[in-house]
Amino acid sequence: MKRKLVVFLPAHNEERSIGTVIARIPREIGAGWQVEVLVVDDGSADGTVREARLAGADHIVSFARNRGLGAAVREGLAGCVRLGADIGLMIDADNEYPAEEIPEVIAPIRAGRADYTMGSRFKGTIRGMRLHRRIGNVCFTALQAILLRRMIWDGQSGMRGFSREAMERAEIIHDYNYAQVLTLNLVRQGFVMEEVPITYRVRVYGQSFIKFRKYLGHVLPAIWREMRRPAGRRGSVREGKRPAAVQLAADGALARASKRETGYE
């Protein structure tokens, strides 16, 4: 049986870019693998769903109202698990991140070196990012690095890969955003993280999920809450075993879920 990569896109009012992103997603990543695309529409008021369907999205789930990026990513991770993904890859729908580099971003998971990967803009190439965004990214990434006591290059990346176990165990404790708390949650559980250099360019149109002042008001308290929670136990790493990707390779592909069972279009 083939193993499965599910690429999921959280999207809010991205009708002008989502079709391009989906078209850039590689559908062939090697023998024995199949690739599916899941779109999580976060209450868009435009033609995001229409454009995603026209571009060939395999599954679409829509929220009746805008719930926030954290909620959309949480649903994307759960959807990957329900669809039987061996690996999940999240990519923003704004066409800033290089979908054609998905194989490189998930390579450490496929090789068994990592459970959780981040496409790192600051280890790779950045085009067009304004100074205030660079400063914000650096500051929040530095905060993550201090809290986790390890080097992190790009804690805000919108392109991330997940092993099956990482998706099953990930917890995002609030709906507004995910970037900080997800990494804190997974690394504190003992999941192996690796950053992969990517090529990044800023959006030329579309609507960002994130507004800076609102971001501060929501995310800083969430970071505090996450760090006060007991770290979950992830046995395979704590006991010196290899990352979950190796166990997945040994176990074979997991059971698939049908579109009808998931409720996705």
C-alpha atoms as a PDB file:
ATOM      1  CA  MET A   1       0.000   0.000   0.000  1.00  0.00           C
ATOM      2  CA  LYS A   2       1.120   3.528  -0.722  1.00  0.00           C
ATOM      3  CA  ARG A   3       2.008   5.899   2.051  1.00  0.00           C
ATOM      4  CA  LYS A   4       0.305   9.270   2.156  1.00  0.00           C
ATOM      5  CA  LEU A   5       1.338  12.896   2.430  1.00  0.00           C
ATOM      6  CA  VAL A   6      -1.501  15.324   3.091  1.00  0.00           C
ATOM      7  CA  VAL A   7      -0.693  18.970   2.387  1.00  0.00           C
ATOM      8  CA  PHE A   8      -3.102  21.271   4.186  1.00  0.00           C
ATOM      9  CA  LEU A   9      -3.712  24.968   3.644  1.00  0.00           C
ATOM     10  CA  PRO A  10      -5.435  27.140   6.266  1.00  0.00           C
ATOM     11  CA  ALA A  11      -7.085  29.916   4.258  1.00  0.00           C
ATOM     12  CA  HIS A  12      -9.090  33.073   4.882  1.00  0.00           C
ATOM     13  CA  ASN A  13     -10.058  35.255   1.909  1.00  0.00           C
ATOM     14  CA  GLU A  14      -7.273  33.965  -0.337  1.00  0.00           C
ATOM     15  CA  GLU A  15      -9.148  33.628  -3.643  1.00  0.00           C
ATOM     16  CA  ARG A  16      -6.388  35.385  -5.602  1.00  0.00           C
ATOM     17  CA  SER A  17      -3.563  33.155  -4.420  1.00  0.00           C
ATOM     18  CA  ILE A  18      -4.830  29.770  -3.258  1.00  0.00           C
ATOM     19  CA  GLY A  19      -5.173  28.321  -6.755  1.00  0.00           C
ATOM     20  CA  THR A  20      -1.558  29.164  -7.524  1.00  0.00           C
ATOM     21  CA  VAL A  21      -0.363  27.549  -4.299  1.00  0.00           C
ATOM     22  CA  ILE A  22      -2.291  24.343  -4.988  1.00  0.00           C
ATOM     23  CA  ALA A  23      -0.940  24.220  -8.548  1.00  0.00           C
ATOM     24  CA  ARG A  24       2.625  24.473  -7.190  1.00  0.00           C
ATOM     25  CA  ILE A  25       2.223  21.500  -4.816  1.00  0.00           C
ATOM     26  CA  PRO A  26       4.156  18.477  -6.161  1.00  0.00           C
ATOM     27  CA  ARG A  27       1.886  15.483  -6.684  1.00  0.00           C
ATOM     28  CA  GLU A  28       4.818  13.103  -7.187  1.00  0.00           C
ATOM     29  CA  ILE A  29       7.295  12.837  -4.319  1.00  0.00           C
ATOM     30  CA  GLY A  30       8.695   9.374  -4.925  1.00  0.00           C
ATOM     31  CA  ALA A  31       7.663   5.782  -5.479  1.00  0.00           C
ATOM     32  CA  GLY A  32       5.160   4.431  -3.006  1.00  0.00           C
ATOM     33  CA  TRP A  33       3.749   7.818  -2.009  1.00  0.00           C
ATOM     34  CA  GLN A  34       0.496   9.581  -2.815  1.00  0.00           C
ATOM     35  CA  VAL A  35      -0.161  13.271  -2.203  1.00  0.00           C
ATOM     36  CA  GLU A  36      -3.513  14.798  -1.289  1.00  0.00           C
ATOM     37  CA  VAL A  37      -4.450  18.428  -0.684  1.00  0.00           C
ATOM     38  CA  LEU A  38      -6.739  19.565   2.132  1.00  0.00           C
ATOM     39  CA  VAL A  39      -8.008  23.152   2.374  1.00  0.00           C
ATOM     40  CA  VAL A  40      -9.343  24.476   5.679  1.00  0.00           C
ATOM     41  CA  ASP A  41     -11.456  27.505   4.801  1.00  0.00           C
ATOM     42  CA  ASP A  42     -11.698  29.761   7.837  1.00  0.00           C
ATOM     43  CA  GLY A  43     -15.012  31.434   7.072  1.00  0.00           C
ATOM     44  CA  SER A  44     -13.902  33.193   3.891  1.00  0.00           C
ATOM     45  CA  ALA A  45     -16.248  35.787   2.427  1.00  0.00           C
ATOM     46  CA  ASP A  46     -14.779  35.577  -1.080  1.00  0.00           C
ATOM     47  CA  GLY A  47     -14.242  32.817  -3.640  1.00  0.00           C
ATOM     48  CA  THR A  48     -11.533  30.928  -1.751  1.00  0.00           C
ATOM     49  CA  VAL A  49     -13.458  27.644  -1.753  1.00  0.00           C
ATOM     50  CA  ARG A  50     -14.369  27.961  -5.429  1.00  0.00           C
ATOM     51  CA  GLU A  51     -10.777  28.632  -6.462  1.00  0.00           C
ATOM     52  CA  ALA A  52      -9.474  25.794  -4.298  1.00  0.00           C
ATOM     53  CA  ARG A  53     -11.902  23.372  -5.886  1.00  0.00           C
ATOM     54  CA  LEU A  54     -11.033  24.544  -9.406  1.00  0.00           C
ATOM     55  CA  ALA A  55      -7.326  24.136  -8.654  1.00  0.00           C
ATOM     56  CA  GLY A  56      -7.815  20.501  -7.680  1.00  0.00           C
ATOM     57  CA  ALA A  57      -8.027  20.405  -3.880  1.00  0.00           C
ATOM     58  CA  ASP A  58      -8.932  16.856  -2.852  1.00  0.00           C
ATOM     59  CA  HIS A  59     -10.670  17.800   0.394  1.00  0.00           C
ATOM     60  CA  ILE A  60     -12.232  21.033   1.636  1.00  0.00           C
ATOM     61  CA  VAL A  61     -13.637  21.759   5.075  1.00  0.00           C
ATOM     62  CA  SER A  62     -15.241  25.135   5.743  1.00  0.00           C
ATOM     63  CA  PHE A  63     -15.965  26.940   8.986  1.00  0.00           C
ATOM     64  CA  ALA A  64     -19.289  28.777   9.074  1.00  0.00           C
ATOM     65  CA  ARG A  65     -17.523  31.810  10.540  1.00  0.00           C
ATOM     66  CA  ASN A  66     -13.973  33.073  10.897  1.00  0.00           C
ATOM     67  CA  ARG A  67     -12.509  31.270  13.916  1.00  0.00           C
ATOM     68  CA  GLY A  68      -8.819  32.158  13.636  1.00  0.00           C
ATOM     69  CA  LEU A  69      -5.594  30.727  12.295  1.00  0.00           C
ATOM     70  CA  GLY A  70      -4.977  28.558  15.342  1.00  0.00           C
ATOM     71  CA  ALA A  71      -8.362  26.891  14.921  1.00  0.00           C
ATOM     72  CA  ALA A  72      -7.734  26.354  11.200  1.00  0.00           C
ATOM     73  CA  VAL A  73      -4.341  24.726  11.812  1.00  0.00           C
ATOM     74  CA  ARG A  74      -5.803  22.563  14.575  1.00  0.00           C
ATOM     75  CA  GLU A  75      -8.479  21.354  12.155  1.00  0.00           C
ATOM     76  CA  GLY A  76      -5.854  20.780   9.469  1.00  0.00           C
ATOM     77  CA  LEU A  77      -3.784  18.546  11.732  1.00  0.00           C
ATOM     78  CA  ALA A  78      -6.853  16.598  12.832  1.00  0.00           C
ATOM     79  CA  GLY A  79      -7.954  16.311   9.212  1.00  0.00           C
ATOM     80  CA  CYS A  80      -4.606  14.867   8.164  1.00  0.00           C
ATOM     81  CA  VAL A  81      -4.946  12.195  10.834  1.00  0.00           C
ATOM     82  CA  ARG A  82      -8.510  11.361   9.795  1.00  0.00           C
ATOM     83  CA  LEU A  83      -7.425  11.089   6.170  1.00  0.00           C
ATOM     84  CA  GLY A  84      -4.745   8.556   7.079  1.00  0.00           C
ATOM     85  CA  ALA A  85      -1.689  10.738   6.497  1.00  0.00           C
ATOM     86  CA  ASP A  86       1.703   9.301   7.352  1.00  0.00           C
ATOM     87  CA  ILE A  87       3.124  12.820   7.051  1.00  0.00           C
ATOM     88  CA  GLY A  88       1.329  16.164   7.102  1.00  0.00           C
ATOM     89  CA  LEU A  89       2.624  19.416   5.624  1.00  0.00           C
ATOM     90  CA  MET A  90       1.095  22.793   6.414  1.00  0.00           C
ATOM     91  CA  ILE A  91       1.632  25.686   4.022  1.00  0.00           C
ATOM     92  CA  ASP A  92       0.091  29.143   4.061  1.00  0.00           C
ATOM     93  CA  ALA A  93      -2.338  29.878   1.235  1.00  0.00           C
ATOM     94  CA  ASP A  94      -0.873  33.306   0.449  1.00  0.00           C
ATOM     95  CA  ASN A  95       1.741  32.107  -2.087  1.00  0.00           C
ATOM     96  CA  GLU A  96       4.641  33.431  -0.016  1.00  0.00           C
ATOM     97  CA  TYR A  97       6.063  29.983   0.744  1.00  0.00           C
ATOM     98  CA  PRO A  98       7.629  27.678  -1.904  1.00  0.00           C
ATOM     99  CA  ALA A  99       5.255  24.750  -2.392  1.00  0.00           C
ATOM    100  CA  GLU A 100       7.690  23.149  -4.831  1.00  0.00           C
ATOM    101  CA  GLU A 101      10.121  22.772  -1.904  1.00  0.00           C
ATOM    102  CA  ILE A 102       7.733  20.541   0.060  1.00  0.00           C
ATOM    103  CA  PRO A 103       9.870  17.418  -0.583  1.00  0.00           C
ATOM    104  CA  GLU A 104      12.870  19.130   1.020  1.00  0.00           C
ATOM    105  CA  VAL A 105      10.869  20.253   4.055  1.00  0.00           C
ATOM    106  CA  ILE A 106       9.557  16.760   4.798  1.00  0.00           C
ATOM    107  CA  ALA A 107      12.840  14.983   3.934  1.00  0.00           C
ATOM    108  CA  PRO A 108      14.064  14.826   7.573  1.00  0.00           C
ATOM    109  CA  ILE A 109      10.791  13.153   8.584  1.00  0.00           C
ATOM    110  CA  ARG A 110      10.978  10.652   5.734  1.00  0.00           C
ATOM    111  CA  ALA A 111      14.586   9.888   6.660  1.00  0.00           C
ATOM    112  CA  GLY A 112      13.689   9.297  10.303  1.00  0.00           C
ATOM    113  CA  ARG A 113      15.765  12.214  11.641  1.00  0.00           C
ATOM    114  CA  ALA A 114      12.862  14.353  12.818  1.00  0.00           C
ATOM    115  CA  ASP A 115       9.190  14.363  13.741  1.00  0.00           C
ATOM    116  CA  TYR A 116       8.558  18.063  13.174  1.00  0.00           C
ATOM    117  CA  THR A 117      10.154  20.321  10.561  1.00  0.00           C
ATOM    118  CA  MET A 118       9.950  24.027   9.823  1.00  0.00           C
ATOM    119  CA  GLY A 119      10.754  25.684   6.523  1.00  0.00           C
ATOM    120  CA  SER A 120      13.205  28.325   7.685  1.00  0.00           C
ATOM    121  CA  ARG A 121      13.213  31.653   5.879  1.00  0.00           C
ATOM    122  CA  PHE A 122      16.133  32.961   7.916  1.00  0.00           C
ATOM    123  CA  LYS A 123      18.314  29.966   7.069  1.00  0.00           C
ATOM    124  CA  GLY A 124      17.299  30.340   3.420  1.00  0.00           C
ATOM    125  CA  THR A 125      16.416  33.294   1.185  1.00  0.00           C
ATOM    126  CA  ILE A 126      14.009  36.150   1.967  1.00  0.00           C
ATOM    127  CA  ARG A 127      12.713  38.577  -0.644  1.00  0.00           C
ATOM    128  CA  GLY A 128      10.720  41.694   0.164  1.00  0.00           C
ATOM    129  CA  MET A 129      10.162  41.382   3.918  1.00  0.00           C
ATOM    130  CA  ARG A 130       9.844  44.796   5.539  1.00  0.00           C
ATOM    131  CA  LEU A 131      12.036  45.771   8.458  1.00  0.00           C
ATOM    132  CA  HIS A 132       9.261  45.781  11.077  1.00  0.00           C
ATOM    133  CA  ARG A 133       8.274  42.238  10.098  1.00  0.00           C
ATOM    134  CA  ARG A 134      11.882  41.070  10.298  1.00  0.00           C
ATOM    135  CA  ILE A 135      12.214  42.595  13.751  1.00  0.00           C
ATOM    136  CA  GLY A 136       8.955  41.013  14.921  1.00  0.00           C
ATOM    137  CA  ASN A 137       9.986  37.609  13.598  1.00  0.00           C
ATOM    138  CA  VAL A 138      13.404  37.824  15.216  1.00  0.00           C
ATOM    139  CA  CYS A 139      11.973  38.895  18.586  1.00  0.00           C
ATOM    140  CA  PHE A 140       9.329  36.170  18.780  1.00  0.00           C
ATOM    141  CA  THR A 141      11.790  33.555  17.556  1.00  0.00           C
ATOM    142  CA  ALA A 142      14.296  34.653  20.201  1.00  0.00           C
ATOM    143  CA  LEU A 143      11.609  34.270  22.855  1.00  0.00           C
ATOM    144  CA  GLN A 144      10.957  30.711  21.699  1.00  0.00           C
ATOM    145  CA  ALA A 145      14.660  29.923  21.707  1.00  0.00           C
ATOM    146  CA  ILE A 146      15.063  31.240  25.255  1.00  0.00           C
ATOM    147  CA  LEU A 147      12.061  29.297  26.552  1.00  0.00           C
ATOM    148  CA  LEU A 148      13.182  26.063  24.892  1.00  0.00           C
ATOM    149  CA  ARG A 149      16.910  26.626  25.529  1.00  0.00           C
ATOM    150  CA  ARG A 150      17.882  25.771  21.978  1.00  0.00           C
ATOM    151  CA  MET A 151      18.733  27.572  18.753  1.00  0.00           C
ATOM    152  CA  ILE A 152      15.743  28.390  16.549  1.00  0.00           C
ATOM    153  CA  TRP A 153      16.127  30.343  13.310  1.00  0.00           C
ATOM    154  CA  ASP A 154      12.507  30.923  12.282  1.00  0.00           C
ATOM    155  CA  GLY A 155       9.827  30.315  14.882  1.00  0.00           C
ATOM    156  CA  GLN A 156       7.117  32.030  12.812  1.00  0.00           C
ATOM    157  CA  SER A 157       7.294  29.934   9.647  1.00  0.00           C
ATOM    158  CA  GLY A 158       4.083  29.191   7.762  1.00  0.00           C
ATOM    159  CA  MET A 159       5.476  25.986   6.252  1.00  0.00           C
ATOM    160  CA  ARG A 160       5.835  22.987   8.584  1.00  0.00           C
ATOM    161  CA  GLY A 161       5.985  19.209   8.359  1.00  0.00           C
ATOM    162  CA  PHE A 162       4.663  16.694  10.886  1.00  0.00           C
ATOM    163  CA  SER A 163       5.029  12.990  11.516  1.00  0.00           C
ATOM    164  CA  ARG A 164       1.872  11.029  12.216  1.00  0.00           C
ATOM    165  CA  GLU A 165       2.569  10.951  15.943  1.00  0.00           C
ATOM    166  CA  ALA A 166       3.357  14.663  16.085  1.00  0.00           C
ATOM    167  CA  MET A 167      -0.006  15.417  14.466  1.00  0.00           C
ATOM    168  CA  GLU A 168      -1.809  13.140  16.891  1.00  0.00           C
ATOM    169  CA  ARG A 169      -0.133  14.668  19.940  1.00  0.00           C
ATOM    170  CA  ALA A 170      -0.008  18.353  18.942  1.00  0.00           C
ATOM    171  CA  GLU A 171      -2.094  20.747  21.013  1.00  0.00           C
ATOM    172  CA  ILE A 172      -2.920  24.328  20.020  1.00  0.00           C
ATOM    173  CA  ILE A 173      -4.453  25.936  23.080  1.00  0.00           C
ATOM    174  CA  HIS A 174      -6.094  28.967  21.474  1.00  0.00           C
ATOM    175  CA  ASP A 175      -7.805  29.806  18.200  1.00  0.00           C
ATOM    176  CA  TYR A 176      -6.095  33.038  17.189  1.00  0.00           C
ATOM    177  CA  ASN A 177      -2.636  31.772  16.244  1.00  0.00           C
ATOM    178  CA  TYR A 178      -0.479  28.672  16.429  1.00  0.00           C
ATOM    179  CA  ALA A 179       3.122  29.602  15.563  1.00  0.00           C
ATOM    180  CA  GLN A 180       4.548  29.977  19.051  1.00  0.00           C
ATOM    181  CA  VAL A 181       2.518  27.535  21.110  1.00  0.00           C
ATOM    182  CA  LEU A 182       2.706  24.638  18.632  1.00  0.00           C
ATOM    183  CA  THR A 183       6.504  24.527  18.637  1.00  0.00           C
ATOM    184  CA  LEU A 184       6.637  24.947  22.413  1.00  0.00           C
ATOM    185  CA  ASN A 185       4.107  22.151  22.797  1.00  0.00           C
ATOM    186  CA  LEU A 186       5.806  19.633  20.509  1.00  0.00           C
ATOM    187  CA  VAL A 187       9.398  20.270  21.576  1.00  0.00           C
ATOM    188  CA  ARG A 188       8.470  20.139  25.265  1.00  0.00           C
ATOM    189  CA  GLN A 189       6.881  16.741  24.618  1.00  0.00           C
ATOM    190  CA  GLY A 190      10.201  15.526  23.259  1.00  0.00           C
ATOM    191  CA  PHE A 191       9.519  15.549  19.521  1.00  0.00           C
ATOM    192  CA  VAL A 192      12.600  15.992  17.348  1.00  0.00           C
ATOM    193  CA  MET A 193      12.518  19.281  15.404  1.00  0.00           C
ATOM    194  CA  GLU A 194      14.644  20.269  12.417  1.00  0.00           C
ATOM    195  CA  GLU A 195      14.689  23.474  10.363  1.00  0.00           C
ATOM    196  CA  VAL A 196      15.104  23.324   6.582  1.00  0.00           C
ATOM    197  CA  PRO A 197      16.212  26.360   4.508  1.00  0.00           C
ATOM    198  CA  ILE A 198      13.547  27.617   2.074  1.00  0.00           C
ATOM    199  CA  THR A 199      13.062  30.431  -0.446  1.00  0.00           C
ATOM    200  CA  TYR A 200      10.500  33.018   0.675  1.00  0.00           C
ATOM    201  CA  ARG A 201       8.956  36.105  -0.884  1.00  0.00           C
ATOM    202  CA  VAL A 202       6.298  38.389   0.586  1.00  0.00           C
ATOM    203  CA  ARG A 203       2.746  38.487  -0.726  1.00  0.00           C
ATOM    204  CA  VAL A 204       1.763  40.969  -3.385  1.00  0.00           C
ATOM    205  CA  TYR A 205      -1.965  40.775  -2.634  1.00  0.00           C
ATOM    206  CA  GLY A 206      -4.394  39.135  -0.250  1.00  0.00           C
ATOM    207  CA  GLN A 207      -5.295  39.544   3.395  1.00  0.00           C
ATOM    208  CA  SER A 208      -3.091  38.544   6.308  1.00  0.00           C
ATOM    209  CA  PHE A 209      -4.526  36.511   9.163  1.00  0.00           C
ATOM    210  CA  ILE A 210      -2.396  38.446  11.635  1.00  0.00           C
ATOM    211  CA  LYS A 211      -2.500  42.044  12.925  1.00  0.00           C
ATOM    212  CA  PHE A 212       0.461  42.940  15.132  1.00  0.00           C
ATOM    213  CA  ARG A 213      -1.249  44.584  18.128  1.00  0.00           C
ATOM    214  CA  LYS A 214      -3.934  41.929  18.269  1.00  0.00           C
ATOM    215  CA  TYR A 215      -1.209  39.307  17.887  1.00  0.00           C
ATOM    216  CA  LEU A 216       0.620  40.574  20.963  1.00  0.00           C
ATOM    217  CA  GLY A 217      -2.553  40.647  23.027  1.00  0.00           C
ATOM    218  CA  HIS A 218      -3.446  37.060  22.188  1.00  0.00           C
ATOM    219  CA  VAL A 219      -0.121  35.289  21.771  1.00  0.00           C
ATOM    220  CA  LEU A 220       1.886  36.451  24.781  1.00  0.00           C
ATOM    221  CA  PRO A 221      -0.752  35.186  27.261  1.00  0.00           C
ATOM    222  CA  ALA A 222      -0.976  31.932  25.290  1.00  0.00           C
ATOM    223  CA  ILE A 223       2.795  31.435  25.511  1.00  0.00           C
ATOM    224  CA  TRP A 224       2.568  31.969  29.271  1.00  0.00           C
ATOM    225  CA  ARG A 225      -0.250  29.427  29.549  1.00  0.00           C
ATOM    226  CA  GLU A 226       1.598  26.864  27.419  1.00  0.00           C
ATOM    227  CA  MET A 227       4.778  27.121  29.465  1.00  0.00           C
ATOM    228  CA  ARG A 228       2.832  26.704  32.718  1.00  0.00           C
ATOM    229  CA  ARG A 229       1.208  23.493  31.509  1.00  0.00           C
ATOM    230  CA  PRO A 230       2.873  20.180  32.366  1.00  0.00           C
ATOM    231  CA  ALA A 231       4.843  18.943  29.360  1.00  0.00           C
ATOM    232  CA  GLY A 232       3.176  15.863  27.905  1.00  0.00           C
ATOM    233  CA  ARG A 233       5.161  12.658  27.823  1.00  0.00           C
ATOM    234  CA  ARG A 234       6.162  11.445  24.403  1.00  0.00           C
ATOM    235  CA  GLY A 235       7.634   8.024  25.165  1.00  0.00           C
ATOM    236  CA  SER A 236       9.596   7.217  22.004  1.00  0.00           C
ATOM    237  CA  VAL A 237      11.980  10.158  22.346  1.00  0.00           C
ATOM    238  CA  ARG A 238      12.147  10.255  26.130  1.00  0.00           C
ATOM    239  CA  GLU A 239      13.122   6.568  26.171  1.00  0.00           C
ATOM    240  CA  GLY A 240      15.817   7.027  23.535  1.00  0.00           C
ATOM    241  CA  LYS A 241      13.905   5.517  20.643  1.00  0.00           C
ATOM    242  CA  ARG A 242      14.054   6.839  17.103  1.00  0.00           C
ATOM    243  CA  PRO A 243      11.650   9.461  15.702  1.00  0.00           C
ATOM    244  CA  ALA A 244       8.109   8.442  14.831  1.00  0.00           C
ATOM    245  CA  ALA A 245       8.824   8.448  11.085  1.00  0.00           C
ATOM    246  CA  VAL A 246      10.947   5.315  11.523  1.00  0.00           C
ATOM    247  CA  GLN A 247       8.149   3.522  13.345  1.00  0.00           C
ATOM    248  CA  LEU A 248       5.717   4.543  10.607  1.00  0.00           C
ATOM    249  CA  ALA A 249       7.993   3.038   7.992  1.00  0.00           C
ATOM    250  CA  ALA A 250       8.053  -0.216   9.920  1.00  0.00           C
ATOM    251  CA  ASP A 251       4.324  -0.311  10.505  1.00  0.00           C
ATOM    252  CA  GLY A 252       3.340   0.577   6.925  1.00  0.00           C
ATOM    253  CA  ALA A 253       0.637   2.966   5.819  1.00  0.00           C
ATOM    254  CA  LEU A 254      -2.179   3.517   8.284  1.00  0.00           C
ATOM    255  CA  ALA A 255      -5.892   3.143   7.607  1.00  0.00           C
ATOM    256  CA  ARG A 256      -7.392   5.619   5.162  1.00  0.00           C
ATOM    257  CA  ALA A 257     -10.477   7.687   5.880  1.00  0.00           C
ATOM    258  CA  SER A 258     -13.031   8.352   3.168  1.00  0.00           C
ATOM    259  CA  LYS A 259     -14.326  11.784   2.251  1.00  0.00           C
ATOM    260  CA  ARG A 260     -17.717  10.747   3.543  1.00  0.00           C
ATOM    261  CA  GLU A 261     -16.310   9.771   6.935  1.00  0.00           C
ATOM    262  CA  THR A 262     -14.420  13.044   7.359  1.00  0.00           C
ATOM    263  CA  GLY A 263     -17.229  15.289   6.141  1.00  0.00           C
ATOM    264  CA  TYR A 264     -14.863  16.994   3.687  1.00  0.00           C
ATOM    265  CA  GLU A 265     -15.870  17.929   0.163  1.00  0.00           C
END
